[in-house]
Amino acid sequence: MSLTSAATLATLDRTGPRRITDLAAVEGVTQPAMTTLVRVMEESGLVERRGDASDKRVTLVCLTKAGASYVRTRRQAGVHAFERLIGELTGDEVEALVAALPALKHLAELESQDREGPKQ
């Protein structure tokens, strides 16, 4: 799976259903590229398209159960990888990492806000 595909699934997991144009903007790709990506993920059973109850002209891209499961599995694999790697650090290195956690959390929040763009 491409990084853009994985990032798109993670965005849908975090923010809920989105328009293709919104996903394209968040992921930094063109609308035609996102349309193609969504079609491929739809064929793989990871996402589905649904109508928007508030605007019948709009189609939203939503995670399927399989897509949500993929995101959870991928995140858990990342957690296990970090656990293993942190286990190889010295005590001083672990302390430095713990001290850096607030700054890292803030950095992740800023990145998330930047990727999601303005709220509608």
PDB file of N, CA and C in Angstrom:
ATOM      1  N   MET A   1       0.844  -1.173   0.000  1.00  0.00           N
ATOM      2  CA  MET A   1       0.000   0.000   0.000  1.00  0.00           C
ATOM      3  C   MET A   1       0.891   1.239   0.000  1.00  0.00           C
ATOM      4  N   SER A   2       0.509   2.229  -0.796  1.00  0.00           N
ATOM      5  CA  SER A   2       1.297   3.453  -0.882  1.00  0.00           C
ATOM      6  C   SER A   2       1.137   4.285   0.390  1.00  0.00           C
ATOM      7  N   LEU A   3       2.084   5.182   0.606  1.00  0.00           N
ATOM      8  CA  LEU A   3       1.998   6.070   1.756  1.00  0.00           C
ATOM      9  C   LEU A   3       0.758   6.958   1.669  1.00  0.00           C
ATOM     10  N   THR A   4       0.416   7.392   0.468  1.00  0.00           N
ATOM     11  CA  THR A   4      -0.768   8.238   0.296  1.00  0.00           C
ATOM     12  C   THR A   4      -2.036   7.458   0.631  1.00  0.00           C
ATOM     13  N   SER A   5      -2.096   6.205   0.229  1.00  0.00           N
ATOM     14  CA  SER A   5      -3.252   5.368   0.570  1.00  0.00           C
ATOM     15  C   SER A   5      -3.378   5.204   2.080  1.00  0.00           C
ATOM     16  N   ALA A   6      -2.269   4.875   2.721  1.00  0.00           N
ATOM     17  CA  ALA A   6      -2.278   4.688   4.172  1.00  0.00           C
ATOM     18  C   ALA A   6      -2.636   5.989   4.880  1.00  0.00           C
ATOM     19  N   ALA A   7      -2.093   7.095   4.410  1.00  0.00           N
ATOM     20  CA  ALA A   7      -2.391   8.396   5.009  1.00  0.00           C
ATOM     21  C   ALA A   7      -3.861   8.753   4.816  1.00  0.00           C
ATOM     22  N   THR A   8      -4.418   8.442   3.665  1.00  0.00           N
ATOM     23  CA  THR A   8      -5.823   8.724   3.392  1.00  0.00           C
ATOM     24  C   THR A   8      -6.721   7.915   4.317  1.00  0.00           C
ATOM     25  N   LEU A   9      -6.409   6.655   4.503  1.00  0.00           N
ATOM     26  CA  LEU A   9      -7.177   5.824   5.432  1.00  0.00           C
ATOM     27  C   LEU A   9      -7.086   6.372   6.851  1.00  0.00           C
ATOM     28  N   ALA A  10      -5.895   6.791   7.256  1.00  0.00           N
ATOM     29  CA  ALA A  10      -5.719   7.354   8.599  1.00  0.00           C
ATOM     30  C   ALA A  10      -6.511   8.654   8.751  1.00  0.00           C
ATOM     31  N   THR A  11      -6.536   9.470   7.711  1.00  0.00           N
ATOM     32  CA  THR A  11      -7.316  10.710   7.747  1.00  0.00           C
ATOM     33  C   THR A  11      -8.793  10.402   7.917  1.00  0.00           C
ATOM     34  N   LEU A  12      -9.293   9.444   7.152  1.00  0.00           N
ATOM     35  CA  LEU A  12     -10.702   9.067   7.272  1.00  0.00           C
ATOM     36  C   LEU A  12     -11.008   8.515   8.659  1.00  0.00           C
ATOM     37  N   ASP A  13     -10.072   7.781   9.233  1.00  0.00           N
ATOM     38  CA  ASP A  13     -10.266   7.231  10.571  1.00  0.00           C
ATOM     39  C   ASP A  13     -10.329   8.349  11.606  1.00  0.00           C
ATOM     40  N   ARG A  14      -9.459   9.349  11.464  1.00  0.00           N
ATOM     41  CA  ARG A  14      -9.407  10.468  12.410  1.00  0.00           C
ATOM     42  C   ARG A  14     -10.569  11.436  12.252  1.00  0.00           C
ATOM     43  N   THR A  15     -10.944  11.726  11.011  1.00  0.00           N
ATOM     44  CA  THR A  15     -11.871  12.840  10.766  1.00  0.00           C
ATOM     45  C   THR A  15     -13.254  12.408  10.318  1.00  0.00           C
ATOM     46  N   GLY A  16     -13.413  11.140   9.972  1.00  0.00           N
ATOM     47  CA  GLY A  16     -14.701  10.676   9.474  1.00  0.00           C
ATOM     48  C   GLY A  16     -14.820  10.897   7.969  1.00  0.00           C
ATOM     49  N   PRO A  17     -16.007  10.625   7.431  1.00  0.00           N
ATOM     50  CA  PRO A  17     -16.221  10.718   5.980  1.00  0.00           C
ATOM     51  C   PRO A  17     -15.841  12.090   5.419  1.00  0.00           C
ATOM     52  N   ARG A  18     -15.246  12.064   4.230  1.00  0.00           N
ATOM     53  CA  ARG A  18     -14.805  13.308   3.590  1.00  0.00           C
ATOM     54  C   ARG A  18     -15.116  13.258   2.096  1.00  0.00           C
ATOM     55  N   ARG A  19     -15.227  14.422   1.497  1.00  0.00           N
ATOM     56  CA  ARG A  19     -15.336  14.538   0.049  1.00  0.00           C
ATOM     57  C   ARG A  19     -13.976  14.223  -0.576  1.00  0.00           C
ATOM     58  N   ILE A  20     -13.996  13.749  -1.795  1.00  0.00           N
ATOM     59  CA  ILE A  20     -12.738  13.459  -2.501  1.00  0.00           C
ATOM     60  C   ILE A  20     -11.900  14.718  -2.622  1.00  0.00           C
ATOM     61  N   THR A  21     -12.525  15.844  -2.917  1.00  0.00           N
ATOM     62  CA  THR A  21     -11.760  17.095  -3.051  1.00  0.00           C
ATOM     63  C   THR A  21     -11.082  17.459  -1.730  1.00  0.00           C
ATOM     64  N   ASP A  22     -11.756  17.239  -0.605  1.00  0.00           N
ATOM     65  CA  ASP A  22     -11.144  17.505   0.701  1.00  0.00           C
ATOM     66  C   ASP A  22      -9.967  16.573   0.949  1.00  0.00           C
ATOM     67  N   LEU A  23     -10.152  15.292   0.645  1.00  0.00           N
ATOM     68  CA  LEU A  23      -9.062  14.325   0.831  1.00  0.00           C
ATOM     69  C   LEU A  23      -7.858  14.683  -0.024  1.00  0.00           C
ATOM     70  N   ALA A  24      -8.114  15.094  -1.254  1.00  0.00           N
ATOM     71  CA  ALA A  24      -7.012  15.480  -2.149  1.00  0.00           C
ATOM     72  C   ALA A  24      -6.225  16.636  -1.558  1.00  0.00           C
ATOM     73  N   ALA A  25      -6.931  17.630  -1.037  1.00  0.00           N
ATOM     74  CA  ALA A  25      -6.258  18.791  -0.454  1.00  0.00           C
ATOM     75  C   ALA A  25      -5.463  18.402   0.789  1.00  0.00           C
ATOM     76  N   VAL A  26      -6.058  17.589   1.646  1.00  0.00           N
ATOM     77  CA  VAL A  26      -5.390  17.177   2.883  1.00  0.00           C
ATOM     78  C   VAL A  26      -4.138  16.357   2.581  1.00  0.00           C
ATOM     79  N   GLU A  27      -4.226  15.474   1.603  1.00  0.00           N
ATOM     80  CA  GLU A  27      -3.110  14.578   1.292  1.00  0.00           C
ATOM     81  C   GLU A  27      -2.124  15.179   0.292  1.00  0.00           C
ATOM     82  N   GLY A  28      -2.452  16.348  -0.251  1.00  0.00           N
ATOM     83  CA  GLY A  28      -1.520  17.037  -1.144  1.00  0.00           C
ATOM     84  C   GLY A  28      -1.401  16.400  -2.515  1.00  0.00           C
ATOM     85  N   VAL A  29      -2.519  15.878  -3.029  1.00  0.00           N
ATOM     86  CA  VAL A  29      -2.521  15.303  -4.373  1.00  0.00           C
ATOM     87  C   VAL A  29      -3.638  15.964  -5.178  1.00  0.00           C
ATOM     88  N   THR A  30      -3.653  15.714  -6.471  1.00  0.00           N
ATOM     89  CA  THR A  30      -4.700  16.280  -7.312  1.00  0.00           C
ATOM     90  C   THR A  30      -6.008  15.534  -7.096  1.00  0.00           C
ATOM     91  N   GLN A  31      -7.098  16.190  -7.445  1.00  0.00           N
ATOM     92  CA  GLN A  31      -8.408  15.545  -7.324  1.00  0.00           C
ATOM     93  C   GLN A  31      -8.502  14.302  -8.208  1.00  0.00           C
ATOM     94  N   PRO A  32      -8.011  14.336  -9.467  1.00  0.00           N
ATOM     95  CA  PRO A  32      -8.055  13.111 -10.274  1.00  0.00           C
ATOM     96  C   PRO A  32      -7.233  11.961  -9.663  1.00  0.00           C
ATOM     97  N   ALA A  33      -6.084  12.305  -9.076  1.00  0.00           N
ATOM     98  CA  ALA A  33      -5.261  11.264  -8.435  1.00  0.00           C
ATOM     99  C   ALA A  33      -5.992  10.664  -7.244  1.00  0.00           C
ATOM    100  N   MET A  34      -6.662  11.505  -6.458  1.00  0.00           N
ATOM    101  CA  MET A  34      -7.408  10.994  -5.300  1.00  0.00           C
ATOM    102  C   MET A  34      -8.590  10.154  -5.759  1.00  0.00           C
ATOM    103  N   THR A  35      -9.254  10.564  -6.835  1.00  0.00           N
ATOM    104  CA  THR A  35     -10.372   9.781  -7.365  1.00  0.00           C
ATOM    105  C   THR A  35      -9.902   8.376  -7.735  1.00  0.00           C
ATOM    106  N   THR A  36      -8.764   8.297  -8.389  1.00  0.00           N
ATOM    107  CA  THR A  36      -8.188   6.999  -8.767  1.00  0.00           C
ATOM    108  C   THR A  36      -7.831   6.188  -7.526  1.00  0.00           C
ATOM    109  N   LEU A  37      -7.212   6.839  -6.554  1.00  0.00           N
ATOM    110  CA  LEU A  37      -6.816   6.168  -5.316  1.00  0.00           C
ATOM    111  C   LEU A  37      -8.043   5.640  -4.578  1.00  0.00           C
ATOM    112  N   VAL A  38      -9.089   6.450  -4.502  1.00  0.00           N
ATOM    113  CA  VAL A  38     -10.320   6.026  -3.821  1.00  0.00           C
ATOM    114  C   VAL A  38     -10.934   4.834  -4.550  1.00  0.00           C
ATOM    115  N   ARG A  39     -10.918   4.866  -5.884  1.00  0.00           N
ATOM    116  CA  ARG A  39     -11.479   3.750  -6.652  1.00  0.00           C
ATOM    117  C   ARG A  39     -10.731   2.457  -6.332  1.00  0.00           C
ATOM    118  N   VAL A  40      -9.404   2.526  -6.273  1.00  0.00           N
ATOM    119  CA  VAL A  40      -8.598   1.341  -5.968  1.00  0.00           C
ATOM    120  C   VAL A  40      -8.886   0.847  -4.550  1.00  0.00           C
ATOM    121  N   MET A  41      -8.967   1.778  -3.588  1.00  0.00           N
ATOM    122  CA  MET A  41      -9.252   1.374  -2.208  1.00  0.00           C
ATOM    123  C   MET A  41     -10.678   0.849  -2.074  1.00  0.00           C
ATOM    124  N   GLU A  42     -11.589   1.382  -2.888  1.00  0.00           N
ATOM    125  CA  GLU A  42     -12.966   0.899  -2.898  1.00  0.00           C
ATOM    126  C   GLU A  42     -13.013  -0.537  -3.426  1.00  0.00           C
ATOM    127  N   GLU A  43     -12.274  -0.803  -4.501  1.00  0.00           N
ATOM    128  CA  GLU A  43     -12.211  -2.150  -5.068  1.00  0.00           C
ATOM    129  C   GLU A  43     -11.587  -3.138  -4.089  1.00  0.00           C
ATOM    130  N   SER A  44     -10.696  -2.630  -3.213  1.00  0.00           N
ATOM    131  CA  SER A  44     -10.053  -3.475  -2.197  1.00  0.00           C
ATOM    132  C   SER A  44     -10.920  -3.651  -0.961  1.00  0.00           C
ATOM    133  N   GLY A  45     -12.055  -2.955  -0.909  1.00  0.00           N
ATOM    134  CA  GLY A  45     -12.960  -3.087   0.220  1.00  0.00           C
ATOM    135  C   GLY A  45     -12.587  -2.254   1.435  1.00  0.00           C
ATOM    136  N   LEU A  46     -11.666  -1.287   1.275  1.00  0.00           N
ATOM    137  CA  LEU A  46     -11.214  -0.482   2.402  1.00  0.00           C
ATOM    138  C   LEU A  46     -12.058   0.769   2.624  1.00  0.00           C
ATOM    139  N   VAL A  47     -12.655   1.286   1.546  1.00  0.00           N
ATOM    140  CA  VAL A  47     -13.518   2.465   1.640  1.00  0.00           C
ATOM    141  C   VAL A  47     -14.774   2.226   0.814  1.00  0.00           C
ATOM    142  N   GLU A  48     -15.772   3.061   1.067  1.00  0.00           N
ATOM    143  CA  GLU A  48     -16.980   3.043   0.253  1.00  0.00           C
ATOM    144  C   GLU A  48     -17.452   4.477   0.089  1.00  0.00           C
ATOM    145  N   ARG A  49     -18.242   4.687  -0.941  1.00  0.00           N
ATOM    146  CA  ARG A  49     -18.814   6.009  -1.171  1.00  0.00           C
ATOM    147  C   ARG A  49     -20.268   5.992  -0.708  1.00  0.00           C
ATOM    148  N   ARG A  50     -20.644   7.085  -0.048  1.00  0.00           N
ATOM    149  CA  ARG A  50     -22.017   7.235   0.442  1.00  0.00           C
ATOM    150  C   ARG A  50     -22.484   8.648   0.142  1.00  0.00           C
ATOM    151  N   GLY A  51     -23.780   8.785   0.005  1.00  0.00           N
ATOM    152  CA  GLY A  51     -24.348  10.111  -0.173  1.00  0.00           C
ATOM    153  C   GLY A  51     -24.297  10.892   1.124  1.00  0.00           C
ATOM    154  N   ASP A  52     -24.265  12.200   0.994  1.00  0.00           N
ATOM    155  CA  ASP A  52     -24.272  13.095   2.147  1.00  0.00           C
ATOM    156  C   ASP A  52     -25.725  13.458   2.456  1.00  0.00           C
ATOM    157  N   ALA A  53     -26.175  13.136   3.648  1.00  0.00           N
ATOM    158  CA  ALA A  53     -27.568  13.398   4.025  1.00  0.00           C
ATOM    159  C   ALA A  53     -27.915  14.885   3.969  1.00  0.00           C
ATOM    160  N   SER A  54     -26.921  15.747   4.204  1.00  0.00           N
ATOM    161  CA  SER A  54     -27.192  17.183   4.226  1.00  0.00           C
ATOM    162  C   SER A  54     -27.164  17.815   2.837  1.00  0.00           C
ATOM    163  N   ASP A  55     -26.571  17.120   1.857  1.00  0.00           N
ATOM    164  CA  ASP A  55     -26.496  17.648   0.491  1.00  0.00           C
ATOM    165  C   ASP A  55     -26.481  16.460  -0.470  1.00  0.00           C
ATOM    166  N   LYS A  56     -27.598  16.193  -1.081  1.00  0.00           N
ATOM    167  CA  LYS A  56     -27.758  15.009  -1.941  1.00  0.00           C
ATOM    168  C   LYS A  56     -26.829  15.016  -3.147  1.00  0.00           C
ATOM    169  N   ARG A  57     -26.242  16.162  -3.485  1.00  0.00           N
ATOM    170  CA  ARG A  57     -25.323  16.229  -4.629  1.00  0.00           C
ATOM    171  C   ARG A  57     -23.933  15.730  -4.290  1.00  0.00           C
ATOM    172  N   VAL A  58     -23.649  15.588  -3.001  1.00  0.00           N
ATOM    173  CA  VAL A  58     -22.302  15.283  -2.523  1.00  0.00           C
ATOM    174  C   VAL A  58     -22.145  13.794  -2.235  1.00  0.00           C
ATOM    175  N   THR A  59     -20.988  13.263  -2.602  1.00  0.00           N
ATOM    176  CA  THR A  59     -20.620  11.895  -2.251  1.00  0.00           C
ATOM    177  C   THR A  59     -19.458  11.957  -1.273  1.00  0.00           C
ATOM    178  N   LEU A  60     -19.573  11.194  -0.203  1.00  0.00           N
ATOM    179  CA  LEU A  60     -18.525  11.133   0.810  1.00  0.00           C
ATOM    180  C   LEU A  60     -17.807   9.792   0.742  1.00  0.00           C
ATOM    181  N   VAL A  61     -16.519   9.819   1.027  1.00  0.00           N
ATOM    182  CA  VAL A  61     -15.723   8.598   1.113  1.00  0.00           C
ATOM    183  C   VAL A  61     -15.667   8.210   2.586  1.00  0.00           C
ATOM    184  N   CYS A  62     -15.998   6.950   2.883  1.00  0.00           N
ATOM    185  CA  CYS A  62     -16.060   6.450   4.260  1.00  0.00           C
ATOM    186  C   CYS A  62     -15.218   5.191   4.387  1.00  0.00           C
ATOM    187  N   LEU A  63     -14.647   4.996   5.567  1.00  0.00           N
ATOM    188  CA  LEU A  63     -13.955   3.736   5.858  1.00  0.00           C
ATOM    189  C   LEU A  63     -14.969   2.608   5.987  1.00  0.00           C
ATOM    190  N   THR A  64     -14.616   1.453   5.484  1.00  0.00           N
ATOM    191  CA  THR A  64     -15.398   0.252   5.748  1.00  0.00           C
ATOM    192  C   THR A  64     -14.837  -0.388   7.021  1.00  0.00           C
ATOM    193  N   LYS A  65     -15.478  -1.448   7.488  1.00  0.00           N
ATOM    194  CA  LYS A  65     -14.942  -2.176   8.646  1.00  0.00           C
ATOM    195  C   LYS A  65     -13.542  -2.700   8.337  1.00  0.00           C
ATOM    196  N   ALA A  66     -13.341  -3.179   7.114  1.00  0.00           N
ATOM    197  CA  ALA A  66     -12.024  -3.686   6.720  1.00  0.00           C
ATOM    198  C   ALA A  66     -10.995  -2.556   6.721  1.00  0.00           C
ATOM    199  N   GLY A  67     -11.389  -1.372   6.272  1.00  0.00           N
ATOM    200  CA  GLY A  67     -10.482  -0.224   6.262  1.00  0.00           C
ATOM    201  C   GLY A  67     -10.108   0.196   7.669  1.00  0.00           C
ATOM    202  N   ALA A  68     -11.093   0.244   8.557  1.00  0.00           N
ATOM    203  CA  ALA A  68     -10.825   0.604   9.952  1.00  0.00           C
ATOM    204  C   ALA A  68      -9.924  -0.437  10.612  1.00  0.00           C
ATOM    205  N   SER A  69     -10.158  -1.693  10.300  1.00  0.00           N
ATOM    206  CA  SER A  69      -9.324  -2.763  10.839  1.00  0.00           C
ATOM    207  C   SER A  69      -7.887  -2.636  10.340  1.00  0.00           C
ATOM    208  N   TYR A  70      -7.723  -2.292   9.071  1.00  0.00           N
ATOM    209  CA  TYR A  70      -6.383  -2.101   8.503  1.00  0.00           C
ATOM    210  C   TYR A  70      -5.649  -0.985   9.237  1.00  0.00           C
ATOM    211  N   VAL A  71      -6.342   0.140   9.470  1.00  0.00           N
ATOM    212  CA  VAL A  71      -5.711   1.265  10.163  1.00  0.00           C
ATOM    213  C   VAL A  71      -5.294   0.849  11.570  1.00  0.00           C
ATOM    214  N   ARG A  72      -6.178   0.163  12.308  1.00  0.00           N
ATOM    215  CA  ARG A  72      -5.852  -0.284  13.670  1.00  0.00           C
ATOM    216  C   ARG A  72      -4.656  -1.234  13.668  1.00  0.00           C
ATOM    217  N   THR A  73      -4.649  -2.173  12.731  1.00  0.00           N
ATOM    218  CA  THR A  73      -3.553  -3.144  12.650  1.00  0.00           C
ATOM    219  C   THR A  73      -2.231  -2.451  12.351  1.00  0.00           C
ATOM    220  N   ARG A  74      -2.265  -1.505  11.448  1.00  0.00           N
ATOM    221  CA  ARG A  74      -1.051  -0.757  11.082  1.00  0.00           C
ATOM    222  C   ARG A  74      -0.539   0.061  12.264  1.00  0.00           C
ATOM    223  N   ARG A  75      -1.451   0.703  12.972  1.00  0.00           N
ATOM    224  CA  ARG A  75      -1.038   1.489  14.148  1.00  0.00           C
ATOM    225  C   ARG A  75      -0.440   0.575  15.215  1.00  0.00           C
ATOM    226  N   GLN A  76      -1.068  -0.574  15.442  1.00  0.00           N
ATOM    227  CA  GLN A  76      -0.559  -1.497  16.458  1.00  0.00           C
ATOM    228  C   GLN A  76       0.824  -2.017  16.084  1.00  0.00           C
ATOM    229  N   ALA A  77       1.050  -2.261  14.806  1.00  0.00           N
ATOM    230  CA  ALA A  77       2.380  -2.695  14.357  1.00  0.00           C
ATOM    231  C   ALA A  77       3.414  -1.612  14.650  1.00  0.00           C
ATOM    232  N   GLY A  78       3.042  -0.355  14.459  1.00  0.00           N
ATOM    233  CA  GLY A  78       3.946   0.750  14.771  1.00  0.00           C
ATOM    234  C   GLY A  78       4.248   0.828  16.252  1.00  0.00           C
ATOM    235  N   VAL A  79       3.230   0.610  17.082  1.00  0.00           N
ATOM    236  CA  VAL A  79       3.420   0.620  18.535  1.00  0.00           C
ATOM    237  C   VAL A  79       4.404  -0.470  18.931  1.00  0.00           C
ATOM    238  N   HIS A  80       4.222  -1.664  18.391  1.00  0.00           N
ATOM    239  CA  HIS A  80       5.119  -2.776  18.729  1.00  0.00           C
ATOM    240  C   HIS A  80       6.552  -2.491  18.273  1.00  0.00           C
ATOM    241  N   ALA A  81       6.701  -1.887  17.123  1.00  0.00           N
ATOM    242  CA  ALA A  81       8.046  -1.554  16.637  1.00  0.00           C
ATOM    243  C   ALA A  81       8.722  -0.556  17.575  1.00  0.00           C
ATOM    244  N   PHE A  82       7.984   0.470  17.997  1.00  0.00           N
ATOM    245  CA  PHE A  82       8.563   1.446  18.920  1.00  0.00           C
ATOM    246  C   PHE A  82       8.867   0.825  20.276  1.00  0.00           C
ATOM    247  N   GLU A  83       8.004  -0.047  20.758  1.00  0.00           N
ATOM    248  CA  GLU A  83       8.262  -0.717  22.033  1.00  0.00           C
ATOM    249  C   GLU A  83       9.580  -1.489  21.976  1.00  0.00           C
ATOM    250  N   ARG A  84       9.765  -2.211  20.878  1.00  0.00           N
ATOM    251  CA  ARG A  84      10.997  -2.994  20.727  1.00  0.00           C
ATOM    252  C   ARG A  84      12.218  -2.078  20.690  1.00  0.00           C
ATOM    253  N   LEU A  85      12.123  -0.999  19.920  1.00  0.00           N
ATOM    254  CA  LEU A  85      13.259  -0.092  19.783  1.00  0.00           C
ATOM    255  C   LEU A  85      13.548   0.662  21.077  1.00  0.00           C
ATOM    256  N   ILE A  86      12.517   1.087  21.776  1.00  0.00           N
ATOM    257  CA  ILE A  86      12.722   1.789  23.039  1.00  0.00           C
ATOM    258  C   ILE A  86      13.369   0.867  24.060  1.00  0.00           C
ATOM    259  N   GLY A  87      13.041  -0.407  23.976  1.00  0.00           N
ATOM    260  CA  GLY A  87      13.664  -1.387  24.859  1.00  0.00           C
ATOM    261  C   GLY A  87      15.170  -1.499  24.680  1.00  0.00           C
ATOM    262  N   GLU A  88      15.683  -1.025  23.570  1.00  0.00           N
ATOM    263  CA  GLU A  88      17.126  -1.075  23.301  1.00  0.00           C
ATOM    264  C   GLU A  88      17.851   0.200  23.724  1.00  0.00           C
ATOM    265  N   LEU A  89      17.125   1.208  24.208  1.00  0.00           N
ATOM    266  CA  LEU A  89      17.746   2.458  24.633  1.00  0.00           C
ATOM    267  C   LEU A  89      18.319   2.335  26.036  1.00  0.00           C
ATOM    268  N   THR A  90      19.269   3.211  26.345  1.00  0.00           N
ATOM    269  CA  THR A  90      19.803   3.281  27.707  1.00  0.00           C
ATOM    270  C   THR A  90      18.805   4.018  28.587  1.00  0.00           C
ATOM    271  N   GLY A  91      19.000   3.930  29.892  1.00  0.00           N
ATOM    272  CA  GLY A  91      18.137   4.634  30.835  1.00  0.00           C
ATOM    273  C   GLY A  91      18.125   6.136  30.588  1.00  0.00           C
ATOM    274  N   ASP A  92      19.303   6.717  30.325  1.00  0.00           N
ATOM    275  CA  ASP A  92      19.382   8.158  30.056  1.00  0.00           C
ATOM    276  C   ASP A  92      18.629   8.520  28.769  1.00  0.00           C
ATOM    277  N   GLU A  93      18.720   7.663  27.789  1.00  0.00           N
ATOM    278  CA  GLU A  93      18.019   7.930  26.527  1.00  0.00           C
ATOM    279  C   GLU A  93      16.504   7.858  26.710  1.00  0.00           C
ATOM    280  N   VAL A  94      16.046   6.902  27.524  1.00  0.00           N
ATOM    281  CA  VAL A  94      14.611   6.792  27.803  1.00  0.00           C
ATOM    282  C   VAL A  94      14.139   8.039  28.552  1.00  0.00           C
ATOM    283  N   GLU A  95      14.918   8.504  29.530  1.00  0.00           N
ATOM    284  CA  GLU A  95      14.561   9.721  30.260  1.00  0.00           C
ATOM    285  C   GLU A  95      14.472  10.920  29.320  1.00  0.00           C
ATOM    286  N   ALA A  96      15.417  11.037  28.399  1.00  0.00           N
ATOM    287  CA  ALA A  96      15.407  12.146  27.442  1.00  0.00           C
ATOM    288  C   ALA A  96      14.176  12.057  26.544  1.00  0.00           C
ATOM    289  N   LEU A  97      13.832  10.856  26.167  1.00  0.00           N
ATOM    290  CA  LEU A  97      12.649  10.659  25.329  1.00  0.00           C
ATOM    291  C   LEU A  97      11.379  11.041  26.085  1.00  0.00           C
ATOM    292  N   VAL A  98      11.278  10.629  27.334  1.00  0.00           N
ATOM    293  CA  VAL A  98      10.115  10.971  28.155  1.00  0.00           C
ATOM    294  C   VAL A  98      10.021  12.489  28.324  1.00  0.00           C
ATOM    295  N   ALA A  99      11.151  13.141  28.538  1.00  0.00           N
ATOM    296  CA  ALA A  99      11.157  14.599  28.697  1.00  0.00           C
ATOM    297  C   ALA A  99      10.715  15.304  27.417  1.00  0.00           C
ATOM    298  N   ALA A 100      10.956  14.684  26.273  1.00  0.00           N
ATOM    299  CA  ALA A 100      10.599  15.290  24.984  1.00  0.00           C
ATOM    300  C   ALA A 100       9.151  15.033  24.584  1.00  0.00           C
ATOM    301  N   LEU A 101       8.446  14.151  25.295  1.00  0.00           N
ATOM    302  CA  LEU A 101       7.084  13.781  24.906  1.00  0.00           C
ATOM    303  C   LEU A 101       6.119  14.961  24.772  1.00  0.00           C
ATOM    304  N   PRO A 102       6.103  15.922  25.693  1.00  0.00           N
ATOM    305  CA  PRO A 102       5.174  17.048  25.503  1.00  0.00           C
ATOM    306  C   PRO A 102       5.431  17.812  24.200  1.00  0.00           C
ATOM    307  N   ALA A 103       6.675  18.035  23.869  1.00  0.00           N
ATOM    308  CA  ALA A 103       6.997  18.740  22.618  1.00  0.00           C
ATOM    309  C   ALA A 103       6.622  17.899  21.405  1.00  0.00           C
ATOM    310  N   LEU A 104       6.847  16.594  21.470  1.00  0.00           N
ATOM    311  CA  LEU A 104       6.476  15.711  20.362  1.00  0.00           C
ATOM    312  C   LEU A 104       4.962  15.660  20.177  1.00  0.00           C
ATOM    313  N   LYS A 105       4.228  15.653  21.289  1.00  0.00           N
ATOM    314  CA  LYS A 105       2.763  15.652  21.221  1.00  0.00           C
ATOM    315  C   LYS A 105       2.275  16.937  20.555  1.00  0.00           C
ATOM    316  N   HIS A 106       2.840  18.056  20.952  1.00  0.00           N
ATOM    317  CA  HIS A 106       2.453  19.337  20.362  1.00  0.00           C
ATOM    318  C   HIS A 106       2.780  19.358  18.874  1.00  0.00           C
ATOM    319  N   LEU A 107       3.929  18.832  18.503  1.00  0.00           N
ATOM    320  CA  LEU A 107       4.320  18.764  17.094  1.00  0.00           C
ATOM    321  C   LEU A 107       3.318  17.934  16.297  1.00  0.00           C
ATOM    322  N   ALA A 108       2.879  16.802  16.850  1.00  0.00           N
ATOM    323  CA  ALA A 108       1.893  15.957  16.168  1.00  0.00           C
ATOM    324  C   ALA A 108       0.561  16.686  16.025  1.00  0.00           C
ATOM    325  N   GLU A 109       0.172  17.434  17.049  1.00  0.00           N
ATOM    326  CA  GLU A 109      -1.073  18.207  16.971  1.00  0.00           C
ATOM    327  C   GLU A 109      -0.992  19.266  15.877  1.00  0.00           C
ATOM    328  N   LEU A 110       0.136  19.949  15.793  1.00  0.00           N
ATOM    329  CA  LEU A 110       0.315  20.967  14.758  1.00  0.00           C
ATOM    330  C   LEU A 110       0.275  20.346  13.365  1.00  0.00           C
ATOM    331  N   GLU A 111       0.902  19.192  13.208  1.00  0.00           N
ATOM    332  CA  GLU A 111       0.907  18.515  11.913  1.00  0.00           C
ATOM    333  C   GLU A 111      -0.492  18.082  11.533  1.00  0.00           C
ATOM    334  N   SER A 112      -1.229  17.578  12.500  1.00  0.00           N
ATOM    335  CA  SER A 112      -2.593  17.125  12.247  1.00  0.00           C
ATOM    336  C   SER A 112      -3.476  18.292  11.827  1.00  0.00           C
ATOM    337  N   GLN A 113      -3.356  19.414  12.503  1.00  0.00           N
ATOM    338  CA  GLN A 113      -4.128  20.602  12.141  1.00  0.00           C
ATOM    339  C   GLN A 113      -3.767  21.071  10.737  1.00  0.00           C
ATOM    340  N   ASP A 114      -2.487  21.010  10.402  1.00  0.00           N
ATOM    341  CA  ASP A 114      -2.028  21.439   9.079  1.00  0.00           C
ATOM    342  C   ASP A 114      -2.582  20.528   7.993  1.00  0.00           C
ATOM    343  N   ARG A 115      -2.598  19.214   8.245  1.00  0.00           N
ATOM    344  CA  ARG A 115      -3.091  18.241   7.256  1.00  0.00           C
ATOM    345  C   ARG A 115      -4.595  18.324   7.082  1.00  0.00           C
ATOM    346  N   GLU A 116      -5.326  18.574   8.167  1.00  0.00           N
ATOM    347  CA  GLU A 116      -6.781  18.607   8.099  1.00  0.00           C
ATOM    348  C   GLU A 116      -7.300  19.891   7.480  1.00  0.00           C
ATOM    349  N   GLY A 117      -6.509  20.942   7.528  1.00  0.00           N
ATOM    350  CA  GLY A 117      -6.948  22.205   6.965  1.00  0.00           C
ATOM    351  C   GLY A 117      -8.031  22.836   7.803  1.00  0.00           C
ATOM    352  N   PRO A 118      -8.628  23.905   7.283  1.00  0.00           N
ATOM    353  CA  PRO A 118      -9.656  24.594   8.060  1.00  0.00           C
ATOM    354  C   PRO A 118     -10.884  23.719   8.264  1.00  0.00           C
ATOM    355  N   LYS A 119     -11.467  23.838   9.448  1.00  0.00           N
ATOM    356  CA  LYS A 119     -12.698  23.103   9.774  1.00  0.00           C
ATOM    357  C   LYS A 119     -13.865  23.724   9.035  1.00  0.00           C
ATOM    358  N   GLN A 120     -14.815  22.856   8.617  1.00  0.00           N
ATOM    359  CA  GLN A 120     -15.991  23.356   7.903  1.00  0.00           C
ATOM    360  C   GLN A 120     -17.166  23.437   8.821  1.00  0.00           C
TER     361      GLN A 120
END
